Amino acid sequence: MFLILRVLFTILSAICVAAVIPVGTFLGWGWGGLCGFLAILFFVFMRLFKTQQELQEMKTESSTQTNEAPDFFHPTERNKDDE
């Protein structure tokens, strides 16, 4: 859900940024400023949903990482009986 909202608000922000100059030229700079404000607002929403998605992924990742495979930084513990 958060991924869809991130993509949606990113697209809306990009459209508003691209529309600032044309809207300001044809309709007036007040409307262009409104487009700029909306672009910033959509960007803030995108960052909010990105943070929420990362938190959600960390929660699911930490709950599924009970049996990790050993790697270079986290080798398996060897018992002294194995020697």
PDB file of N, CA and C in Angstrom:
ATOM      1  N   MET A   1       0.822  -1.188   0.000  1.00  0.00           N
ATOM      2  CA  MET A   1       0.000   0.000   0.000  1.00  0.00           C
ATOM      3  C   MET A   1       0.872   1.260   0.000  1.00  0.00           C
ATOM      4  N   PHE A   2       1.914   1.268   0.860  1.00  0.00           N
ATOM      5  CA  PHE A   2       2.769   2.444   0.927  1.00  0.00           C
ATOM      6  C   PHE A   2       3.539   2.645  -0.371  1.00  0.00           C
ATOM      7  N   LEU A   3       3.894   1.559  -1.048  1.00  0.00           N
ATOM      8  CA  LEU A   3       4.614   1.686  -2.313  1.00  0.00           C
ATOM      9  C   LEU A   3       3.752   2.378  -3.361  1.00  0.00           C
ATOM     10  N   ILE A   4       2.488   2.016  -3.417  1.00  0.00           N
ATOM     11  CA  ILE A   4       1.582   2.639  -4.385  1.00  0.00           C
ATOM     12  C   ILE A   4       1.425   4.127  -4.085  1.00  0.00           C
ATOM     13  N   LEU A   5       1.292   4.469  -2.811  1.00  0.00           N
ATOM     14  CA  LEU A   5       1.156   5.875  -2.447  1.00  0.00           C
ATOM     15  C   LEU A   5       2.434   6.651  -2.720  1.00  0.00           C
ATOM     16  N   ARG A   6       3.599   6.015  -2.491  1.00  0.00           N
ATOM     17  CA  ARG A   6       4.876   6.670  -2.810  1.00  0.00           C
ATOM     18  C   ARG A   6       4.959   7.002  -4.286  1.00  0.00           C
ATOM     19  N   VAL A   7       4.636   6.044  -5.128  1.00  0.00           N
ATOM     20  CA  VAL A   7       4.712   6.260  -6.576  1.00  0.00           C
ATOM     21  C   VAL A   7       3.710   7.326  -7.011  1.00  0.00           C
ATOM     22  N   LEU A   8       2.502   7.273  -6.468  1.00  0.00           N
ATOM     23  CA  LEU A   8       1.472   8.244  -6.824  1.00  0.00           C
ATOM     24  C   LEU A   8       1.902   9.670  -6.469  1.00  0.00           C
ATOM     25  N   PHE A   9       2.393   9.871  -5.251  1.00  0.00           N
ATOM     26  CA  PHE A   9       2.779  11.217  -4.845  1.00  0.00           C
ATOM     27  C   PHE A   9       4.055  11.677  -5.543  1.00  0.00           C
ATOM     28  N   THR A  10       4.926  10.764  -5.928  1.00  0.00           N
ATOM     29  CA  THR A  10       6.104  11.145  -6.708  1.00  0.00           C
ATOM     30  C   THR A  10       5.691  11.659  -8.082  1.00  0.00           C
ATOM     31  N   ILE A  11       4.767  10.973  -8.711  1.00  0.00           N
ATOM     32  CA  ILE A  11       4.283  11.396 -10.028  1.00  0.00           C
ATOM     33  C   ILE A  11       3.570  12.741  -9.935  1.00  0.00           C
ATOM     34  N   LEU A  12       2.716  12.900  -8.909  1.00  0.00           N
ATOM     35  CA  LEU A  12       2.006  14.163  -8.744  1.00  0.00           C
ATOM     36  C   LEU A  12       2.979  15.317  -8.489  1.00  0.00           C
ATOM     37  N   SER A  13       4.002  15.066  -7.699  1.00  0.00           N
ATOM     38  CA  SER A  13       4.998  16.096  -7.430  1.00  0.00           C
ATOM     39  C   SER A  13       5.751  16.485  -8.701  1.00  0.00           C
ATOM     40  N   ALA A  14       6.129  15.498  -9.496  1.00  0.00           N
ATOM     41  CA  ALA A  14       6.844  15.778 -10.740  1.00  0.00           C
ATOM     42  C   ALA A  14       5.972  16.563 -11.719  1.00  0.00           C
ATOM     43  N   ILE A  15       4.692  16.239 -11.785  1.00  0.00           N
ATOM     44  CA  ILE A  15       3.778  16.969 -12.674  1.00  0.00           C
ATOM     45  C   ILE A  15       3.649  18.423 -12.225  1.00  0.00           C
ATOM     46  N   CYS A  16       3.537  18.619 -10.910  1.00  0.00           N
ATOM     47  CA  CYS A  16       3.408  19.988 -10.399  1.00  0.00           C
ATOM     48  C   CYS A  16       4.677  20.805 -10.633  1.00  0.00           C
ATOM     49  N   VAL A  17       5.834  20.174 -10.470  1.00  0.00           N
ATOM     50  CA  VAL A  17       7.096  20.890 -10.727  1.00  0.00           C
ATOM     51  C   VAL A  17       7.182  21.281 -12.197  1.00  0.00           C
ATOM     52  N   ALA A  18       6.795  20.363 -13.074  1.00  0.00           N
ATOM     53  CA  ALA A  18       6.861  20.647 -14.505  1.00  0.00           C
ATOM     54  C   ALA A  18       5.846  21.710 -14.920  1.00  0.00           C
ATOM     55  N   ALA A  19       4.786  21.869 -14.164  1.00  0.00           N
ATOM     56  CA  ALA A  19       3.728  22.806 -14.547  1.00  0.00           C
ATOM     57  C   ALA A  19       3.914  24.206 -13.980  1.00  0.00           C
ATOM     58  N   VAL A  20       4.900  24.429 -13.132  1.00  0.00           N
ATOM     59  CA  VAL A  20       5.045  25.737 -12.480  1.00  0.00           C
ATOM     60  C   VAL A  20       5.241  26.852 -13.504  1.00  0.00           C
ATOM     61  N   ILE A  21       6.192  26.706 -14.401  1.00  0.00           N
ATOM     62  CA  ILE A  21       6.489  27.772 -15.368  1.00  0.00           C
ATOM     63  C   ILE A  21       5.331  27.981 -16.359  1.00  0.00           C
ATOM     64  N   PRO A  22       4.810  26.915 -16.996  1.00  0.00           N
ATOM     65  CA  PRO A  22       3.689  27.159 -17.921  1.00  0.00           C
ATOM     66  C   PRO A  22       2.453  27.736 -17.246  1.00  0.00           C
ATOM     67  N   VAL A  23       2.110  27.226 -16.082  1.00  0.00           N
ATOM     68  CA  VAL A  23       0.925  27.743 -15.376  1.00  0.00           C
ATOM     69  C   VAL A  23       1.178  29.187 -14.948  1.00  0.00           C
ATOM     70  N   GLY A  24       2.381  29.458 -14.460  1.00  0.00           N
ATOM     71  CA  GLY A  24       2.701  30.828 -14.073  1.00  0.00           C
ATOM     72  C   GLY A  24       2.668  31.790 -15.238  1.00  0.00           C
ATOM     73  N   THR A  25       3.088  31.329 -16.396  1.00  0.00           N
ATOM     74  CA  THR A  25       3.106  32.191 -17.577  1.00  0.00           C
ATOM     75  C   THR A  25       1.701  32.467 -18.096  1.00  0.00           C
ATOM     76  N   PHE A  26       0.880  31.429 -18.187  1.00  0.00           N
ATOM     77  CA  PHE A  26      -0.434  31.592 -18.822  1.00  0.00           C
ATOM     78  C   PHE A  26      -1.528  32.044 -17.859  1.00  0.00           C
ATOM     79  N   LEU A  27      -1.477  31.610 -16.607  1.00  0.00           N
ATOM     80  CA  LEU A  27      -2.567  31.932 -15.680  1.00  0.00           C
ATOM     81  C   LEU A  27      -2.179  32.961 -14.623  1.00  0.00           C
ATOM     82  N   GLY A  28      -0.913  33.200 -14.445  1.00  0.00           N
ATOM     83  CA  GLY A  28      -0.459  34.145 -13.435  1.00  0.00           C
ATOM     84  C   GLY A  28       0.463  33.445 -12.450  1.00  0.00           C
ATOM     85  N   TRP A  29       1.343  34.245 -11.840  1.00  0.00           N
ATOM     86  CA  TRP A  29       2.366  33.650 -10.978  1.00  0.00           C
ATOM     87  C   TRP A  29       1.804  33.193  -9.643  1.00  0.00           C
ATOM     88  N   GLY A  30       0.644  33.661  -9.279  1.00  0.00           N
ATOM     89  CA  GLY A  30      -0.012  33.141  -8.074  1.00  0.00           C
ATOM     90  C   GLY A  30      -0.377  31.674  -8.238  1.00  0.00           C
ATOM     91  N   TRP A  31      -0.904  31.347  -9.416  1.00  0.00           N
ATOM     92  CA  TRP A  31      -1.242  29.942  -9.700  1.00  0.00           C
ATOM     93  C   TRP A  31       0.025  29.090  -9.849  1.00  0.00           C
ATOM     94  N   GLY A  32       1.069  29.695 -10.403  1.00  0.00           N
ATOM     95  CA  GLY A  32       2.347  28.986 -10.495  1.00  0.00           C
ATOM     96  C   GLY A  32       2.923  28.708  -9.124  1.00  0.00           C
ATOM     97  N   GLY A  33       2.785  29.676  -8.222  1.00  0.00           N
ATOM     98  CA  GLY A  33       3.223  29.467  -6.842  1.00  0.00           C
ATOM     99  C   GLY A  33       2.420  28.378  -6.163  1.00  0.00           C
ATOM    100  N   LEU A  34       1.128  28.311  -6.463  1.00  0.00           N
ATOM    101  CA  LEU A  34       0.289  27.240  -5.914  1.00  0.00           C
ATOM    102  C   LEU A  34       0.767  25.877  -6.411  1.00  0.00           C
ATOM    103  N   CYS A  35       1.142  25.790  -7.677  1.00  0.00           N
ATOM    104  CA  CYS A  35       1.682  24.528  -8.214  1.00  0.00           C
ATOM    105  C   CYS A  35       2.986  24.159  -7.503  1.00  0.00           C
ATOM    106  N   GLY A  36       3.830  25.155  -7.250  1.00  0.00           N
ATOM    107  CA  GLY A  36       5.072  24.896  -6.527  1.00  0.00           C
ATOM    108  C   GLY A  36       4.806  24.418  -5.108  1.00  0.00           C
ATOM    109  N   PHE A  37       3.832  25.038  -4.440  1.00  0.00           N
ATOM    110  CA  PHE A  37       3.472  24.621  -3.098  1.00  0.00           C
ATOM    111  C   PHE A  37       2.938  23.192  -3.098  1.00  0.00           C
ATOM    112  N   LEU A  38       2.098  22.865  -4.065  1.00  0.00           N
ATOM    113  CA  LEU A  38       1.567  21.501  -4.161  1.00  0.00           C
ATOM    114  C   LEU A  38       2.673  20.494  -4.438  1.00  0.00           C
ATOM    115  N   ALA A  39       3.660  20.892  -5.231  1.00  0.00           N
ATOM    116  CA  ALA A  39       4.787  19.996  -5.498  1.00  0.00           C
ATOM    117  C   ALA A  39       5.540  19.690  -4.210  1.00  0.00           C
ATOM    118  N   ILE A  40       5.777  20.718  -3.393  1.00  0.00           N
ATOM    119  CA  ILE A  40       6.457  20.500  -2.116  1.00  0.00           C
ATOM    120  C   ILE A  40       5.605  19.638  -1.182  1.00  0.00           C
ATOM    121  N   LEU A  41       4.303  19.888  -1.147  1.00  0.00           N
ATOM    122  CA  LEU A  41       3.403  19.111  -0.308  1.00  0.00           C
ATOM    123  C   LEU A  41       3.382  17.637  -0.724  1.00  0.00           C
ATOM    124  N   PHE A  42       3.306  17.382  -2.023  1.00  0.00           N
ATOM    125  CA  PHE A  42       3.314  16.003  -2.502  1.00  0.00           C
ATOM    126  C   PHE A  42       4.649  15.327  -2.211  1.00  0.00           C
ATOM    127  N   PHE A  43       5.743  16.090  -2.285  1.00  0.00           N
ATOM    128  CA  PHE A  43       7.052  15.545  -1.959  1.00  0.00           C
ATOM    129  C   PHE A  43       7.119  15.138  -0.489  1.00  0.00           C
ATOM    130  N   VAL A  44       6.567  15.963   0.387  1.00  0.00           N
ATOM    131  CA  VAL A  44       6.545  15.635   1.818  1.00  0.00           C
ATOM    132  C   VAL A  44       5.730  14.371   2.065  1.00  0.00           C
ATOM    133  N   PHE A  45       4.592  14.246   1.401  1.00  0.00           N
ATOM    134  CA  PHE A  45       3.790  13.026   1.541  1.00  0.00           C
ATOM    135  C   PHE A  45       4.556  11.803   1.043  1.00  0.00           C
ATOM    136  N   MET A  46       5.282  11.962  -0.068  1.00  0.00           N
ATOM    137  CA  MET A  46       6.066  10.844  -0.599  1.00  0.00           C
ATOM    138  C   MET A  46       7.114  10.408   0.411  1.00  0.00           C
ATOM    139  N   ARG A  47       7.821  11.358   1.030  1.00  0.00           N
ATOM    140  CA  ARG A  47       8.831  11.023   2.040  1.00  0.00           C
ATOM    141  C   ARG A  47       8.194  10.357   3.259  1.00  0.00           C
ATOM    142  N   LEU A  48       7.013  10.810   3.658  1.00  0.00           N
ATOM    143  CA  LEU A  48       6.313  10.208   4.786  1.00  0.00           C
ATOM    144  C   LEU A  48       5.985   8.747   4.503  1.00  0.00           C
ATOM    145  N   PHE A  49       5.452   8.485   3.326  1.00  0.00           N
ATOM    146  CA  PHE A  49       5.097   7.113   2.985  1.00  0.00           C
ATOM    147  C   PHE A  49       6.333   6.253   2.768  1.00  0.00           C
ATOM    148  N   LYS A  50       7.428   6.838   2.320  1.00  0.00           N
ATOM    149  CA  LYS A  50       8.675   6.086   2.192  1.00  0.00           C
ATOM    150  C   LYS A  50       9.173   5.649   3.562  1.00  0.00           C
ATOM    151  N   THR A  51       9.117   6.554   4.530  1.00  0.00           N
ATOM    152  CA  THR A  51       9.535   6.218   5.890  1.00  0.00           C
ATOM    153  C   THR A  51       8.651   5.123   6.476  1.00  0.00           C
ATOM    154  N   GLN A  52       7.357   5.231   6.259  1.00  0.00           N
ATOM    155  CA  GLN A  52       6.432   4.220   6.772  1.00  0.00           C
ATOM    156  C   GLN A  52       6.677   2.864   6.122  1.00  0.00           C
ATOM    157  N   GLN A  53       6.983   2.855   4.826  1.00  0.00           N
ATOM    158  CA  GLN A  53       7.271   1.603   4.135  1.00  0.00           C
ATOM    159  C   GLN A  53       8.550   0.980   4.668  1.00  0.00           C
ATOM    160  N   GLU A  54       9.585   1.789   4.910  1.00  0.00           N
ATOM    161  CA  GLU A  54      10.833   1.253   5.447  1.00  0.00           C
ATOM    162  C   GLU A  54      10.635   0.674   6.840  1.00  0.00           C
ATOM    163  N   LEU A  55       9.843   1.343   7.678  1.00  0.00           N
ATOM    164  CA  LEU A  55       9.555   0.807   9.010  1.00  0.00           C
ATOM    165  C   LEU A  55       8.810  -0.517   8.920  1.00  0.00           C
ATOM    166  N   GLN A  56       7.846  -0.585   8.003  1.00  0.00           N
ATOM    167  CA  GLN A  56       7.079  -1.813   7.825  1.00  0.00           C
ATOM    168  C   GLN A  56       7.988  -2.947   7.337  1.00  0.00           C
ATOM    169  N   GLU A  57       8.903  -2.642   6.417  1.00  0.00           N
ATOM    170  CA  GLU A  57       9.815  -3.665   5.914  1.00  0.00           C
ATOM    171  C   GLU A  57      10.780  -4.133   6.996  1.00  0.00           C
ATOM    172  N   MET A  58      11.228  -3.214   7.858  1.00  0.00           N
ATOM    173  CA  MET A  58      12.119  -3.619   8.940  1.00  0.00           C
ATOM    174  C   MET A  58      11.412  -4.528   9.935  1.00  0.00           C
ATOM    175  N   LYS A  59      10.134  -4.249  10.207  1.00  0.00           N
ATOM    176  CA  LYS A  59       9.374  -5.099  11.117  1.00  0.00           C
ATOM    177  C   LYS A  59       9.220  -6.507  10.549  1.00  0.00           C
ATOM    178  N   THR A  60       8.871  -6.604   9.273  1.00  0.00           N
ATOM    179  CA  THR A  60       8.692  -7.929   8.675  1.00  0.00           C
ATOM    180  C   THR A  60      10.034  -8.632   8.514  1.00  0.00           C
ATOM    181  N   GLU A  61      11.089  -7.870   8.243  1.00  0.00           N
ATOM    182  CA  GLU A  61      12.413  -8.464   8.082  1.00  0.00           C
ATOM    183  C   GLU A  61      12.939  -9.002   9.410  1.00  0.00           C
ATOM    184  N   SER A  62      12.716  -8.267  10.483  1.00  0.00           N
ATOM    185  CA  SER A  62      13.212  -8.719  11.783  1.00  0.00           C
ATOM    186  C   SER A  62      12.423  -9.920  12.283  1.00  0.00           C
ATOM    187  N   SER A  63      11.162 -10.027  11.917  1.00  0.00           N
ATOM    188  CA  SER A  63      10.382 -11.170  12.366  1.00  0.00           C
ATOM    189  C   SER A  63      10.686 -12.426  11.547  1.00  0.00           C
ATOM    190  N   THR A  64      11.184 -12.271  10.333  1.00  0.00           N
ATOM    191  CA  THR A  64      11.483 -13.440   9.501  1.00  0.00           C
ATOM    192  C   THR A  64      12.936 -13.863   9.578  1.00  0.00           C
ATOM    193  N   GLN A  65      13.796 -13.129  10.253  1.00  0.00           N
ATOM    194  CA  GLN A  65      15.218 -13.441  10.293  1.00  0.00           C
ATOM    195  C   GLN A  65      15.602 -14.238  11.536  1.00  0.00           C
ATOM    196  N   THR A  66      14.875 -15.250  11.861  1.00  0.00           N
ATOM    197  CA  THR A  66      15.225 -16.040  13.037  1.00  0.00           C
ATOM    198  C   THR A  66      16.326 -17.037  12.730  1.00  0.00           C
ATOM    199  N   ASN A  67      16.319 -17.631  11.560  1.00  0.00           N
ATOM    200  CA  ASN A  67      17.326 -18.621  11.172  1.00  0.00           C
ATOM    201  C   ASN A  67      18.139 -18.085  10.001  1.00  0.00           C
ATOM    202  N   GLU A  68      19.116 -17.255  10.310  1.00  0.00           N
ATOM    203  CA  GLU A  68      19.945 -16.700   9.251  1.00  0.00           C
ATOM    204  C   GLU A  68      21.032 -17.682   8.859  1.00  0.00           C
ATOM    205  N   ALA A  69      21.396 -17.643   7.612  1.00  0.00           N
ATOM    206  CA  ALA A  69      22.509 -18.455   7.136  1.00  0.00           C
ATOM    207  C   ALA A  69      23.807 -17.763   7.549  1.00  0.00           C
ATOM    208  N   PRO A  70      24.826 -18.531   7.899  1.00  0.00           N
ATOM    209  CA  PRO A  70      26.087 -17.891   8.306  1.00  0.00           C
ATOM    210  C   PRO A  70      26.761 -17.204   7.117  1.00  0.00           C
ATOM    211  N   ASP A  71      27.454 -16.118   7.419  1.00  0.00           N
ATOM    212  CA  ASP A  71      28.218 -15.430   6.399  1.00  0.00           C
ATOM    213  C   ASP A  71      29.547 -14.993   7.004  1.00  0.00           C
ATOM    214  N   PHE A  72      30.292 -14.169   6.301  1.00  0.00           N
ATOM    215  CA  PHE A  72      31.630 -13.793   6.741  1.00  0.00           C
ATOM    216  C   PHE A  72      31.601 -13.026   8.061  1.00  0.00           C
ATOM    217  N   PHE A  73      30.651 -12.126   8.205  1.00  0.00           N
ATOM    218  CA  PHE A  73      30.591 -11.286   9.397  1.00  0.00           C
ATOM    219  C   PHE A  73      29.888 -11.955  10.572  1.00  0.00           C
ATOM    220  N   HIS A  74      29.088 -12.974  10.300  1.00  0.00           N
ATOM    221  CA  HIS A  74      28.371 -13.702  11.345  1.00  0.00           C
ATOM    222  C   HIS A  74      28.581 -15.203  11.146  1.00  0.00           C
ATOM    223  N   PRO A  75      29.763 -15.706  11.456  1.00  0.00           N
ATOM    224  CA  PRO A  75      30.006 -17.135  11.237  1.00  0.00           C
ATOM    225  C   PRO A  75      29.255 -17.968  12.277  1.00  0.00           C
ATOM    226  N   THR A  76      29.137 -19.239  11.971  1.00  0.00           N
ATOM    227  CA  THR A  76      28.460 -20.128  12.913  1.00  0.00           C
ATOM    228  C   THR A  76      29.378 -20.381  14.098  1.00  0.00           C
ATOM    229  N   GLU A  77      28.781 -20.605  15.218  1.00  0.00           N
ATOM    230  CA  GLU A  77      29.541 -20.913  16.422  1.00  0.00           C
ATOM    231  C   GLU A  77      29.925 -22.394  16.369  1.00  0.00           C
ATOM    232  N   ARG A  78      31.214 -22.672  16.604  1.00  0.00           N
ATOM    233  CA  ARG A  78      31.668 -24.073  16.622  1.00  0.00           C
ATOM    234  C   ARG A  78      31.814 -24.521  18.069  1.00  0.00           C
ATOM    235  N   ASN A  79      31.406 -25.725  18.305  1.00  0.00           N
ATOM    236  CA  ASN A  79      31.581 -26.310  19.631  1.00  0.00           C
ATOM    237  C   ASN A  79      32.988 -26.875  19.755  1.00  0.00           C
ATOM    238  N   LYS A  80      33.485 -26.939  20.964  1.00  0.00           N
ATOM    239  CA  LYS A  80      34.825 -27.524  21.181  1.00  0.00           C
ATOM    240  C   LYS A  80      34.783 -29.043  21.016  1.00  0.00           C
ATOM    241  N   ASP A  81      33.600 -29.616  21.069  1.00  0.00           N
ATOM    242  CA  ASP A  81      33.479 -31.055  20.879  1.00  0.00           C
ATOM    243  C   ASP A  81      33.717 -31.463  19.439  1.00  0.00           C
ATOM    244  N   ASP A  82      33.540 -30.525  18.500  1.00  0.00           N
ATOM    245  CA  ASP A  82      33.713 -30.829  17.079  1.00  0.00           C
ATOM    246  C   ASP A  82      35.176 -31.005  16.721  1.00  0.00           C
ATOM    247  N   GLU A  83      36.105 -30.492  17.502  1.00  0.00           N
ATOM    248  CA  GLU A  83      37.530 -30.537  17.163  1.00  0.00           C
ATOM    249  C   GLU A  83      38.141 -31.879  17.428  1.00  0.00           C
TER     250      GLU A  83
END
